[in-house]
mmCIF file of all heavy atoms, coordinates in Angstrom:
data_MODEL
# 
_entry.id   MODEL 
# 
loop_
_atom_site.group_PDB 
_atom_site.id 
_atom_site.type_symbol 
_atom_site.label_atom_id 
_atom_site.label_alt_id 
_atom_site.label_comp_id 
_atom_site.label_asym_id 
_atom_site.label_entity_id 
_atom_site.label_seq_id 
_atom_site.pdbx_PDB_ins_code 
_atom_site.Cartn_x 
_atom_site.Cartn_y 
_atom_site.Cartn_z 
_atom_site.occupancy 
_atom_site.B_iso_or_equiv 
_atom_site.pdbx_formal_charge 
_atom_site.auth_seq_id 
_atom_site.auth_comp_id 
_atom_site.auth_asym_id 
_atom_site.auth_atom_id 
_atom_site.pdbx_PDB_model_num 
ATOM 1   N N   . ILE A 1 1  ? 0.021  -0.244 6.931   1.00 0.00 ? 1  ILE A N   1 
ATOM 2   C CA  . ILE A 1 1  ? 0.330  0.838  7.888   1.00 0.00 ? 1  ILE A CA  1 
ATOM 3   C C   . ILE A 1 1  ? -0.414 0.449  9.160   1.00 0.00 ? 1  ILE A C   1 
ATOM 4   O O   . ILE A 1 1  ? -1.541 0.142  9.237   1.00 0.00 ? 1  ILE A O   1 
ATOM 5   C CB  . ILE A 1 1  ? -0.140 2.242  7.348   1.00 0.00 ? 1  ILE A CB  1 
ATOM 6   C CG1 . ILE A 1 1  ? 0.620  2.558  6.094   1.00 0.00 ? 1  ILE A CG1 1 
ATOM 7   C CG2 . ILE A 1 1  ? 0.042  3.341  8.422   1.00 0.00 ? 1  ILE A CG2 1 
ATOM 8   C CD1 . ILE A 1 1  ? -0.040 3.618  5.327   1.00 0.00 ? 1  ILE A CD1 1 
ATOM 9   N N   . LYS A 1 2  ? 0.345  0.469  10.299  1.00 0.00 ? 2  LYS A N   1 
ATOM 10  C CA  . LYS A 1 2  ? -0.170 -0.024 11.487  1.00 0.00 ? 2  LYS A CA  1 
ATOM 11  C C   . LYS A 1 2  ? 0.001  1.060  12.563  1.00 0.00 ? 2  LYS A C   1 
ATOM 12  O O   . LYS A 1 2  ? 0.801  1.932  12.540  1.00 0.00 ? 2  LYS A O   1 
ATOM 13  C CB  . LYS A 1 2  ? 0.570  -1.268 12.048  1.00 0.00 ? 2  LYS A CB  1 
ATOM 14  C CG  . LYS A 1 2  ? 0.325  -2.502 11.059  1.00 0.00 ? 2  LYS A CG  1 
ATOM 15  C CD  . LYS A 1 2  ? 1.067  -3.734 11.568  1.00 0.00 ? 2  LYS A CD  1 
ATOM 16  C CE  . LYS A 1 2  ? 0.880  -4.870 10.647  1.00 0.00 ? 2  LYS A CE  1 
ATOM 17  N NZ  . LYS A 1 2  ? 1.452  -6.148 11.077  1.00 0.00 ? 2  LYS A NZ  1 
ATOM 18  N N   . ASN A 1 3  ? -0.907 1.068  13.573  1.00 0.00 ? 3  ASN A N   1 
ATOM 19  C CA  . ASN A 1 3  ? -0.796 1.916  14.716  1.00 0.00 ? 3  ASN A CA  1 
ATOM 20  C C   . ASN A 1 3  ? 0.445  1.575  15.538  1.00 0.00 ? 3  ASN A C   1 
ATOM 21  O O   . ASN A 1 3  ? 0.708  0.442  15.889  1.00 0.00 ? 3  ASN A O   1 
ATOM 22  C CB  . ASN A 1 3  ? -2.111 1.768  15.639  1.00 0.00 ? 3  ASN A CB  1 
ATOM 23  C CG  . ASN A 1 3  ? -2.105 2.736  16.784  1.00 0.00 ? 3  ASN A CG  1 
ATOM 24  O OD1 . ASN A 1 3  ? -1.289 2.747  17.595  1.00 0.00 ? 3  ASN A OD1 1 
ATOM 25  N ND2 . ASN A 1 3  ? -3.045 3.598  16.723  1.00 0.00 ? 3  ASN A ND2 1 
ATOM 26  N N   . LYS A 1 4  ? 1.324  2.661  15.753  1.00 0.00 ? 4  LYS A N   1 
ATOM 27  C CA  . LYS A 1 4  ? 2.514  2.397  16.434  1.00 0.00 ? 4  LYS A CA  1 
ATOM 28  C C   . LYS A 1 4  ? 2.362  1.921  17.777  1.00 0.00 ? 4  LYS A C   1 
ATOM 29  O O   . LYS A 1 4  ? 3.313  1.264  18.398  1.00 0.00 ? 4  LYS A O   1 
ATOM 30  C CB  . LYS A 1 4  ? 3.408  3.722  16.377  1.00 0.00 ? 4  LYS A CB  1 
ATOM 31  C CG  . LYS A 1 4  ? 3.719  4.183  15.006  1.00 0.00 ? 4  LYS A CG  1 
ATOM 32  C CD  . LYS A 1 4  ? 4.558  5.469  14.978  1.00 0.00 ? 4  LYS A CD  1 
ATOM 33  C CE  . LYS A 1 4  ? 4.956  5.855  13.562  1.00 0.00 ? 4  LYS A CE  1 
ATOM 34  N NZ  . LYS A 1 4  ? 5.604  7.120  13.484  1.00 0.00 ? 4  LYS A NZ  1 
ATOM 35  N N   . THR A 1 5  ? 1.239  2.282  18.460  1.00 0.00 ? 5  THR A N   1 
ATOM 36  C CA  . THR A 1 5  ? 1.143  1.900  19.767  1.00 0.00 ? 5  THR A CA  1 
ATOM 37  C C   . THR A 1 5  ? 0.488  0.451  20.072  1.00 0.00 ? 5  THR A C   1 
ATOM 38  O O   . THR A 1 5  ? 0.994  -0.370 20.727  1.00 0.00 ? 5  THR A O   1 
ATOM 39  C CB  . THR A 1 5  ? 0.136  2.864  20.548  1.00 0.00 ? 5  THR A CB  1 
ATOM 40  O OG1 . THR A 1 5  ? 0.753  4.208  20.363  1.00 0.00 ? 5  THR A OG1 1 
ATOM 41  C CG2 . THR A 1 5  ? -0.002 2.633  22.073  1.00 0.00 ? 5  THR A CG2 1 
ATOM 42  N N   . THR A 1 6  ? -0.624 0.276  19.283  1.00 0.00 ? 6  THR A N   1 
ATOM 43  C CA  . THR A 1 6  ? -1.282 -1.015 19.359  1.00 0.00 ? 6  THR A CA  1 
ATOM 44  C C   . THR A 1 6  ? -0.893 -2.140 18.391  1.00 0.00 ? 6  THR A C   1 
ATOM 45  O O   . THR A 1 6  ? -1.127 -3.310 18.569  1.00 0.00 ? 6  THR A O   1 
ATOM 46  C CB  . THR A 1 6  ? -2.834 -0.744 19.191  1.00 0.00 ? 6  THR A CB  1 
ATOM 47  O OG1 . THR A 1 6  ? -3.129 -0.410 17.861  1.00 0.00 ? 6  THR A OG1 1 
ATOM 48  C CG2 . THR A 1 6  ? -3.344 0.304  20.185  1.00 0.00 ? 6  THR A CG2 1 
ATOM 49  N N   . GLY A 1 7  ? -0.236 -1.691 17.306  1.00 0.00 ? 7  GLY A N   1 
ATOM 50  C CA  . GLY A 1 7  ? 0.188  -2.692 16.282  1.00 0.00 ? 7  GLY A CA  1 
ATOM 51  C C   . GLY A 1 7  ? -0.981 -3.083 15.346  1.00 0.00 ? 7  GLY A C   1 
ATOM 52  O O   . GLY A 1 7  ? -0.842 -3.883 14.484  1.00 0.00 ? 7  GLY A O   1 
ATOM 53  N N   . GLU A 1 8  ? -2.179 -2.409 15.547  1.00 0.00 ? 8  GLU A N   1 
ATOM 54  C CA  . GLU A 1 8  ? -3.364 -2.770 14.710  1.00 0.00 ? 8  GLU A CA  1 
ATOM 55  C C   . GLU A 1 8  ? -3.269 -2.032 13.373  1.00 0.00 ? 8  GLU A C   1 
ATOM 56  O O   . GLU A 1 8  ? -2.824 -0.900 13.301  1.00 0.00 ? 8  GLU A O   1 
ATOM 57  C CB  . GLU A 1 8  ? -4.674 -2.278 15.570  1.00 0.00 ? 8  GLU A CB  1 
ATOM 58  C CG  . GLU A 1 8  ? -5.912 -2.555 14.697  1.00 0.00 ? 8  GLU A CG  1 
ATOM 59  C CD  . GLU A 1 8  ? -7.166 -2.017 15.451  1.00 0.00 ? 8  GLU A CD  1 
ATOM 60  O OE1 . GLU A 1 8  ? -6.973 -1.234 16.398  1.00 0.00 ? 8  GLU A OE1 1 
ATOM 61  O OE2 . GLU A 1 8  ? -8.208 -2.129 14.965  1.00 0.00 ? 8  GLU A OE2 1 
ATOM 62  N N   . SER A 1 9  ? -3.823 -2.715 12.326  1.00 0.00 ? 9  SER A N   1 
ATOM 63  C CA  . SER A 1 9  ? -3.784 -2.101 10.987  1.00 0.00 ? 9  SER A CA  1 
ATOM 64  C C   . SER A 1 9  ? -4.629 -0.899 11.026  1.00 0.00 ? 9  SER A C   1 
ATOM 65  O O   . SER A 1 9  ? -5.732 -0.789 11.637  1.00 0.00 ? 9  SER A O   1 
ATOM 66  C CB  . SER A 1 9  ? -4.233 -3.124 10.009  1.00 0.00 ? 9  SER A CB  1 
ATOM 67  O OG  . SER A 1 9  ? -4.535 -2.484 8.761   1.00 0.00 ? 9  SER A OG  1 
ATOM 68  N N   . LYS A 1 10 ? -4.235 0.150  10.269  1.00 0.00 ? 10 LYS A N   1 
ATOM 69  C CA  . LYS A 1 10 ? -5.079 1.401  10.115  1.00 0.00 ? 10 LYS A CA  1 
ATOM 70  C C   . LYS A 1 10 ? -5.989 1.156  8.912   1.00 0.00 ? 10 LYS A C   1 
ATOM 71  O O   . LYS A 1 10 ? -6.760 2.165  8.538   1.00 0.00 ? 10 LYS A O   1 
ATOM 72  C CB  . LYS A 1 10 ? -4.090 2.622  9.804   1.00 0.00 ? 10 LYS A CB  1 
ATOM 73  C CG  . LYS A 1 10 ? -3.332 2.955  11.112  1.00 0.00 ? 10 LYS A CG  1 
ATOM 74  C CD  . LYS A 1 10 ? -2.504 4.281  10.766  1.00 0.00 ? 10 LYS A CD  1 
ATOM 75  C CE  . LYS A 1 10 ? -1.815 4.734  12.070  1.00 0.00 ? 10 LYS A CE  1 
ATOM 76  N NZ  . LYS A 1 10 ? -1.000 6.056  11.707  1.00 0.00 ? 10 LYS A NZ  1 
ATOM 77  N N   . GLY A 1 11 ? -5.972 0.138  8.243   1.00 0.00 ? 11 GLY A N   1 
ATOM 78  C CA  . GLY A 1 11 ? -6.813 -0.087 7.078   1.00 0.00 ? 11 GLY A CA  1 
ATOM 79  C C   . GLY A 1 11 ? -6.240 0.646  5.814   1.00 0.00 ? 11 GLY A C   1 
ATOM 80  O O   . GLY A 1 11 ? -6.976 1.024  4.860   1.00 0.00 ? 11 GLY A O   1 
ATOM 81  N N   . LEU A 1 12 ? -4.880 0.884  5.816   1.00 0.00 ? 12 LEU A N   1 
ATOM 82  C CA  . LEU A 1 12 ? -4.200 1.541  4.647   1.00 0.00 ? 12 LEU A CA  1 
ATOM 83  C C   . LEU A 1 12 ? -2.892 0.722  4.376   1.00 0.00 ? 12 LEU A C   1 
ATOM 84  O O   . LEU A 1 12 ? -2.295 0.152  5.198   1.00 0.00 ? 12 LEU A O   1 
ATOM 85  C CB  . LEU A 1 12 ? -3.873 2.978  5.085   1.00 0.00 ? 12 LEU A CB  1 
ATOM 86  C CG  . LEU A 1 12 ? -4.999 3.884  5.447   1.00 0.00 ? 12 LEU A CG  1 
ATOM 87  C CD1 . LEU A 1 12 ? -4.439 5.194  6.073   1.00 0.00 ? 12 LEU A CD1 1 
ATOM 88  C CD2 . LEU A 1 12 ? -5.801 4.273  4.219   1.00 0.00 ? 12 LEU A CD2 1 
ATOM 89  N N   . GLY A 1 13 ? -2.463 0.806  3.142   1.00 0.00 ? 13 GLY A N   1 
ATOM 90  C CA  . GLY A 1 13 ? -1.335 0.025  2.717   1.00 0.00 ? 13 GLY A CA  1 
ATOM 91  C C   . GLY A 1 13 ? -0.629 0.605  1.504   1.00 0.00 ? 13 GLY A C   1 
ATOM 92  O O   . GLY A 1 13 ? -1.225 1.380  0.784   1.00 0.00 ? 13 GLY A O   1 
ATOM 93  N N   . TYR A 1 14 ? 0.651  0.092  1.252   1.00 0.00 ? 14 TYR A N   1 
ATOM 94  C CA  . TYR A 1 14 ? 1.364  0.487  0.096   1.00 0.00 ? 14 TYR A CA  1 
ATOM 95  C C   . TYR A 1 14 ? 1.580  -0.780 -0.800  1.00 0.00 ? 14 TYR A C   1 
ATOM 96  O O   . TYR A 1 14 ? 1.848  -1.898 -0.166  1.00 0.00 ? 14 TYR A O   1 
ATOM 97  C CB  . TYR A 1 14 ? 2.739  0.991  0.455   1.00 0.00 ? 14 TYR A CB  1 
ATOM 98  C CG  . TYR A 1 14 ? 2.692  2.456  1.071   1.00 0.00 ? 14 TYR A CG  1 
ATOM 99  C CD1 . TYR A 1 14 ? 2.796  2.601  2.443   1.00 0.00 ? 14 TYR A CD1 1 
ATOM 100 C CD2 . TYR A 1 14 ? 2.586  3.517  0.303   1.00 0.00 ? 14 TYR A CD2 1 
ATOM 101 C CE1 . TYR A 1 14 ? 2.804  3.850  3.034   1.00 0.00 ? 14 TYR A CE1 1 
ATOM 102 C CE2 . TYR A 1 14 ? 2.477  4.832  0.878   1.00 0.00 ? 14 TYR A CE2 1 
ATOM 103 C CZ  . TYR A 1 14 ? 2.639  5.002  2.227   1.00 0.00 ? 14 TYR A CZ  1 
ATOM 104 O OH  . TYR A 1 14 ? 2.657  6.202  2.794   1.00 0.00 ? 14 TYR A OH  1 
ATOM 105 N N   . VAL A 1 15 ? 1.665  -0.622 -2.028  1.00 0.00 ? 15 VAL A N   1 
ATOM 106 C CA  . VAL A 1 15 ? 2.070  -1.739 -2.901  1.00 0.00 ? 15 VAL A CA  1 
ATOM 107 C C   . VAL A 1 15 ? 3.062  -1.073 -3.929  1.00 0.00 ? 15 VAL A C   1 
ATOM 108 O O   . VAL A 1 15 ? 2.738  -0.098 -4.530  1.00 0.00 ? 15 VAL A O   1 
ATOM 109 C CB  . VAL A 1 15 ? 0.883  -2.326 -3.778  1.00 0.00 ? 15 VAL A CB  1 
ATOM 110 C CG1 . VAL A 1 15 ? 1.378  -3.411 -4.700  1.00 0.00 ? 15 VAL A CG1 1 
ATOM 111 C CG2 . VAL A 1 15 ? -0.223 -2.817 -2.826  1.00 0.00 ? 15 VAL A CG2 1 
ATOM 112 N N   . ARG A 1 16 ? 4.236  -1.688 -3.994  1.00 0.00 ? 16 ARG A N   1 
ATOM 113 C CA  . ARG A 1 16 ? 5.312  -1.180 -4.825  1.00 0.00 ? 16 ARG A CA  1 
ATOM 114 C C   . ARG A 1 16 ? 5.560  -2.194 -6.064  1.00 0.00 ? 16 ARG A C   1 
ATOM 115 O O   . ARG A 1 16 ? 5.788  -3.309 -5.737  1.00 0.00 ? 16 ARG A O   1 
ATOM 116 C CB  . ARG A 1 16 ? 6.615  -0.982 -4.017  1.00 0.00 ? 16 ARG A CB  1 
ATOM 117 C CG  . ARG A 1 16 ? 7.827  -0.783 -4.847  1.00 0.00 ? 16 ARG A CG  1 
ATOM 118 C CD  . ARG A 1 16 ? 7.957  0.704  -5.217  1.00 0.00 ? 16 ARG A CD  1 
ATOM 119 N NE  . ARG A 1 16 ? 9.302  0.921  -5.965  1.00 0.00 ? 16 ARG A NE  1 
ATOM 120 C CZ  . ARG A 1 16 ? 10.361 1.229  -5.377  1.00 0.00 ? 16 ARG A CZ  1 
ATOM 121 N NH1 . ARG A 1 16 ? 10.498 1.346  -4.027  1.00 0.00 ? 16 ARG A NH1 1 
ATOM 122 N NH2 . ARG A 1 16 ? 11.419 1.498  -6.103  1.00 0.00 ? 16 ARG A NH2 1 
ATOM 123 N N   . TYR A 1 17 ? 5.356  -1.594 -7.257  1.00 0.00 ? 17 TYR A N   1 
ATOM 124 C CA  . TYR A 1 17 ? 5.609  -2.394 -8.433  1.00 0.00 ? 17 TYR A CA  1 
ATOM 125 C C   . TYR A 1 17 ? 6.957  -2.188 -9.039  1.00 0.00 ? 17 TYR A C   1 
ATOM 126 O O   . TYR A 1 17 ? 7.638  -1.170 -8.702  1.00 0.00 ? 17 TYR A O   1 
ATOM 127 C CB  . TYR A 1 17 ? 4.524  -2.094 -9.450  1.00 0.00 ? 17 TYR A CB  1 
ATOM 128 C CG  . TYR A 1 17 ? 3.179  -2.652 -9.147  1.00 0.00 ? 17 TYR A CG  1 
ATOM 129 C CD1 . TYR A 1 17 ? 2.233  -1.836 -8.444  1.00 0.00 ? 17 TYR A CD1 1 
ATOM 130 C CD2 . TYR A 1 17 ? 2.799  -3.918 -9.421  1.00 0.00 ? 17 TYR A CD2 1 
ATOM 131 C CE1 . TYR A 1 17 ? 0.966  -2.338 -8.146  1.00 0.00 ? 17 TYR A CE1 1 
ATOM 132 C CE2 . TYR A 1 17 ? 1.482  -4.461 -9.137  1.00 0.00 ? 17 TYR A CE2 1 
ATOM 133 C CZ  . TYR A 1 17 ? 0.613  -3.651 -8.392  1.00 0.00 ? 17 TYR A CZ  1 
ATOM 134 O OH  . TYR A 1 17 ? -0.618 -4.106 -8.122  1.00 0.00 ? 17 TYR A OH  1 
ATOM 135 N N   . LEU A 1 18 ? 7.419  -3.024 -9.919  1.00 0.00 ? 18 LEU A N   1 
ATOM 136 C CA  . LEU A 1 18 ? 8.736  -2.926 -10.530 1.00 0.00 ? 18 LEU A CA  1 
ATOM 137 C C   . LEU A 1 18 ? 8.564  -1.827 -11.686 1.00 0.00 ? 18 LEU A C   1 
ATOM 138 O O   . LEU A 1 18 ? 9.644  -1.161 -11.949 1.00 0.00 ? 18 LEU A O   1 
ATOM 139 C CB  . LEU A 1 18 ? 9.205  -4.165 -11.096 1.00 0.00 ? 18 LEU A CB  1 
ATOM 140 C CG  . LEU A 1 18 ? 9.552  -5.323 -10.176 1.00 0.00 ? 18 LEU A CG  1 
ATOM 141 C CD1 . LEU A 1 18 ? 9.966  -6.608 -10.901 1.00 0.00 ? 18 LEU A CD1 1 
ATOM 142 C CD2 . LEU A 1 18 ? 10.486 -4.784 -9.217  1.00 0.00 ? 18 LEU A CD2 1 
ATOM 143 N N   . LYS A 1 19 ? 7.434  -1.668 -12.258 1.00 0.00 ? 19 LYS A N   1 
ATOM 144 C CA  . LYS A 1 19 ? 7.322  -0.717 -13.334 1.00 0.00 ? 19 LYS A CA  1 
ATOM 145 C C   . LYS A 1 19 ? 6.172  0.295  -13.181 1.00 0.00 ? 19 LYS A C   1 
ATOM 146 O O   . LYS A 1 19 ? 5.124  -0.062 -12.630 1.00 0.00 ? 19 LYS A O   1 
ATOM 147 C CB  . LYS A 1 19 ? 7.056  -1.440 -14.708 1.00 0.00 ? 19 LYS A CB  1 
ATOM 148 C CG  . LYS A 1 19 ? 8.165  -2.402 -15.088 1.00 0.00 ? 19 LYS A CG  1 
ATOM 149 C CD  . LYS A 1 19 ? 7.753  -3.179 -16.456 1.00 0.00 ? 19 LYS A CD  1 
ATOM 150 C CE  . LYS A 1 19 ? 8.822  -4.123 -16.850 1.00 0.00 ? 19 LYS A CE  1 
ATOM 151 N NZ  . LYS A 1 19 ? 8.450  -4.891 -18.081 1.00 0.00 ? 19 LYS A NZ  1 
ATOM 152 N N   . PRO A 1 20 ? 6.276  1.529  -13.664 1.00 0.00 ? 20 PRO A N   1 
ATOM 153 C CA  . PRO A 1 20 ? 5.193  2.469  -13.530 1.00 0.00 ? 20 PRO A CA  1 
ATOM 154 C C   . PRO A 1 20 ? 3.935  2.026  -14.272 1.00 0.00 ? 20 PRO A C   1 
ATOM 155 O O   . PRO A 1 20 ? 2.891  2.286  -13.761 1.00 0.00 ? 20 PRO A O   1 
ATOM 156 C CB  . PRO A 1 20 ? 5.782  3.700  -14.158 1.00 0.00 ? 20 PRO A CB  1 
ATOM 157 C CG  . PRO A 1 20 ? 7.309  3.599  -14.040 1.00 0.00 ? 20 PRO A CG  1 
ATOM 158 C CD  . PRO A 1 20 ? 7.548  2.134  -14.202 1.00 0.00 ? 20 PRO A CD  1 
ATOM 159 N N   . SER A 1 21 ? 4.073  1.384  -15.353 1.00 0.00 ? 21 SER A N   1 
ATOM 160 C CA  . SER A 1 21 ? 2.984  0.901  -16.188 1.00 0.00 ? 21 SER A CA  1 
ATOM 161 C C   . SER A 1 21 ? 2.131  -0.098 -15.303 1.00 0.00 ? 21 SER A C   1 
ATOM 162 O O   . SER A 1 21 ? 0.858  -0.132 -15.403 1.00 0.00 ? 21 SER A O   1 
ATOM 163 C CB  . SER A 1 21 ? 3.350  0.260  -17.482 1.00 0.00 ? 21 SER A CB  1 
ATOM 164 O OG  . SER A 1 21 ? 4.186  -0.877 -17.172 1.00 0.00 ? 21 SER A OG  1 
ATOM 165 N N   . GLN A 1 22 ? 2.828  -0.847 -14.458 1.00 0.00 ? 22 GLN A N   1 
ATOM 166 C CA  . GLN A 1 22 ? 2.073  -1.831 -13.625 1.00 0.00 ? 22 GLN A CA  1 
ATOM 167 C C   . GLN A 1 22 ? 1.242  -1.155 -12.495 1.00 0.00 ? 22 GLN A C   1 
ATOM 168 O O   . GLN A 1 22 ? 0.170  -1.385 -12.238 1.00 0.00 ? 22 GLN A O   1 
ATOM 169 C CB  . GLN A 1 22 ? 3.072  -2.768 -13.043 1.00 0.00 ? 22 GLN A CB  1 
ATOM 170 C CG  . GLN A 1 22 ? 3.699  -3.713 -14.052 1.00 0.00 ? 22 GLN A CG  1 
ATOM 171 C CD  . GLN A 1 22 ? 4.889  -4.461 -13.459 1.00 0.00 ? 22 GLN A CD  1 
ATOM 172 O OE1 . GLN A 1 22 ? 5.490  -4.183 -12.469 1.00 0.00 ? 22 GLN A OE1 1 
ATOM 173 N NE2 . GLN A 1 22 ? 5.377  -5.474 -14.310 1.00 0.00 ? 22 GLN A NE2 1 
ATOM 174 N N   . ALA A 1 23 ? 1.780  -0.090 -11.958 1.00 0.00 ? 23 ALA A N   1 
ATOM 175 C CA  . ALA A 1 23 ? 1.163  0.696  -10.855 1.00 0.00 ? 23 ALA A CA  1 
ATOM 176 C C   . ALA A 1 23 ? -0.049 1.413  -11.523 1.00 0.00 ? 23 ALA A C   1 
ATOM 177 O O   . ALA A 1 23 ? -1.090 1.382  -10.896 1.00 0.00 ? 23 ALA A O   1 
ATOM 178 C CB  . ALA A 1 23 ? 2.227  1.734  -10.299 1.00 0.00 ? 23 ALA A CB  1 
ATOM 179 N N   . ALA A 1 24 ? 0.166  1.964  -12.729 1.00 0.00 ? 24 ALA A N   1 
ATOM 180 C CA  . ALA A 1 24 ? -0.952 2.693  -13.488 1.00 0.00 ? 24 ALA A CA  1 
ATOM 181 C C   . ALA A 1 24 ? -2.029 1.714  -13.637 1.00 0.00 ? 24 ALA A C   1 
ATOM 182 O O   . ALA A 1 24 ? -3.230 1.981  -13.561 1.00 0.00 ? 24 ALA A O   1 
ATOM 183 C CB  . ALA A 1 24 ? -0.405 3.256  -14.732 1.00 0.00 ? 24 ALA A CB  1 
ATOM 184 N N   . ARG A 1 25 ? -1.710 0.507  -14.084 1.00 0.00 ? 25 ARG A N   1 
ATOM 185 C CA  . ARG A 1 25 ? -2.735 -0.452 -14.379 1.00 0.00 ? 25 ARG A CA  1 
ATOM 186 C C   . ARG A 1 25 ? -3.577 -0.867 -13.174 1.00 0.00 ? 25 ARG A C   1 
ATOM 187 O O   . ARG A 1 25 ? -4.729 -0.976 -13.229 1.00 0.00 ? 25 ARG A O   1 
ATOM 188 C CB  . ARG A 1 25 ? -2.070 -1.711 -15.026 1.00 0.00 ? 25 ARG A CB  1 
ATOM 189 C CG  . ARG A 1 25 ? -3.119 -2.795 -15.506 1.00 0.00 ? 25 ARG A CG  1 
ATOM 190 C CD  . ARG A 1 25 ? -2.506 -4.051 -15.951 1.00 0.00 ? 25 ARG A CD  1 
ATOM 191 N NE  . ARG A 1 25 ? -3.552 -5.080 -16.188 1.00 0.00 ? 25 ARG A NE  1 
ATOM 192 C CZ  . ARG A 1 25 ? -3.210 -6.360 -16.208 1.00 0.00 ? 25 ARG A CZ  1 
ATOM 193 N NH1 . ARG A 1 25 ? -1.944 -6.821 -16.015 1.00 0.00 ? 25 ARG A NH1 1 
ATOM 194 N NH2 . ARG A 1 25 ? -4.206 -7.283 -16.423 1.00 0.00 ? 25 ARG A NH2 1 
ATOM 195 N N   . ALA A 1 26 ? -2.815 -1.054 -12.029 1.00 0.00 ? 26 ALA A N   1 
ATOM 196 C CA  . ALA A 1 26 ? -3.432 -1.314 -10.754 1.00 0.00 ? 26 ALA A CA  1 
ATOM 197 C C   . ALA A 1 26 ? -4.460 -0.267 -10.355 1.00 0.00 ? 26 ALA A C   1 
ATOM 198 O O   . ALA A 1 26 ? -5.600 -0.561 -9.902  1.00 0.00 ? 26 ALA A O   1 
ATOM 199 C CB  . ALA A 1 26 ? -2.398 -1.585 -9.616  1.00 0.00 ? 26 ALA A CB  1 
ATOM 200 N N   . ILE A 1 27 ? -4.061 0.946  -10.476 1.00 0.00 ? 27 ILE A N   1 
ATOM 201 C CA  . ILE A 1 27 ? -4.962 2.046  -10.153 1.00 0.00 ? 27 ILE A CA  1 
ATOM 202 C C   . ILE A 1 27 ? -6.202 2.115  -10.973 1.00 0.00 ? 27 ILE A C   1 
ATOM 203 O O   . ILE A 1 27 ? -7.291 2.331  -10.521 1.00 0.00 ? 27 ILE A O   1 
ATOM 204 C CB  . ILE A 1 27 ? -4.216 3.397  -10.224 1.00 0.00 ? 27 ILE A CB  1 
ATOM 205 C CG1 . ILE A 1 27 ? -3.146 3.519  -9.126  1.00 0.00 ? 27 ILE A CG1 1 
ATOM 206 C CG2 . ILE A 1 27 ? -5.105 4.597  -10.173 1.00 0.00 ? 27 ILE A CG2 1 
ATOM 207 C CD1 . ILE A 1 27 ? -2.167 4.684  -9.240  1.00 0.00 ? 27 ILE A CD1 1 
ATOM 208 N N   . GLU A 1 28 ? -6.013 1.869  -12.289 1.00 0.00 ? 28 GLU A N   1 
ATOM 209 C CA  . GLU A 1 28 ? -7.096 1.932  -13.289 1.00 0.00 ? 28 GLU A CA  1 
ATOM 210 C C   . GLU A 1 28 ? -8.054 0.693  -13.107 1.00 0.00 ? 28 GLU A C   1 
ATOM 211 O O   . GLU A 1 28 ? -9.271 0.923  -13.169 1.00 0.00 ? 28 GLU A O   1 
ATOM 212 C CB  . GLU A 1 28 ? -6.501 1.868  -14.680 1.00 0.00 ? 28 GLU A CB  1 
ATOM 213 C CG  . GLU A 1 28 ? -7.562 1.927  -15.856 1.00 0.00 ? 28 GLU A CG  1 
ATOM 214 C CD  . GLU A 1 28 ? -8.198 3.345  -15.817 1.00 0.00 ? 28 GLU A CD  1 
ATOM 215 O OE1 . GLU A 1 28 ? -7.676 4.328  -15.321 1.00 0.00 ? 28 GLU A OE1 1 
ATOM 216 O OE2 . GLU A 1 28 ? -9.380 3.333  -16.373 1.00 0.00 ? 28 GLU A OE2 1 
# 
């Protein structure tokens, strides 16, 4: 996620997995 004006990273991001079990494992 980037600042729309400056293009600088906000220090936040998304990761999309193919399976819910993989997302759950990443969180854990």
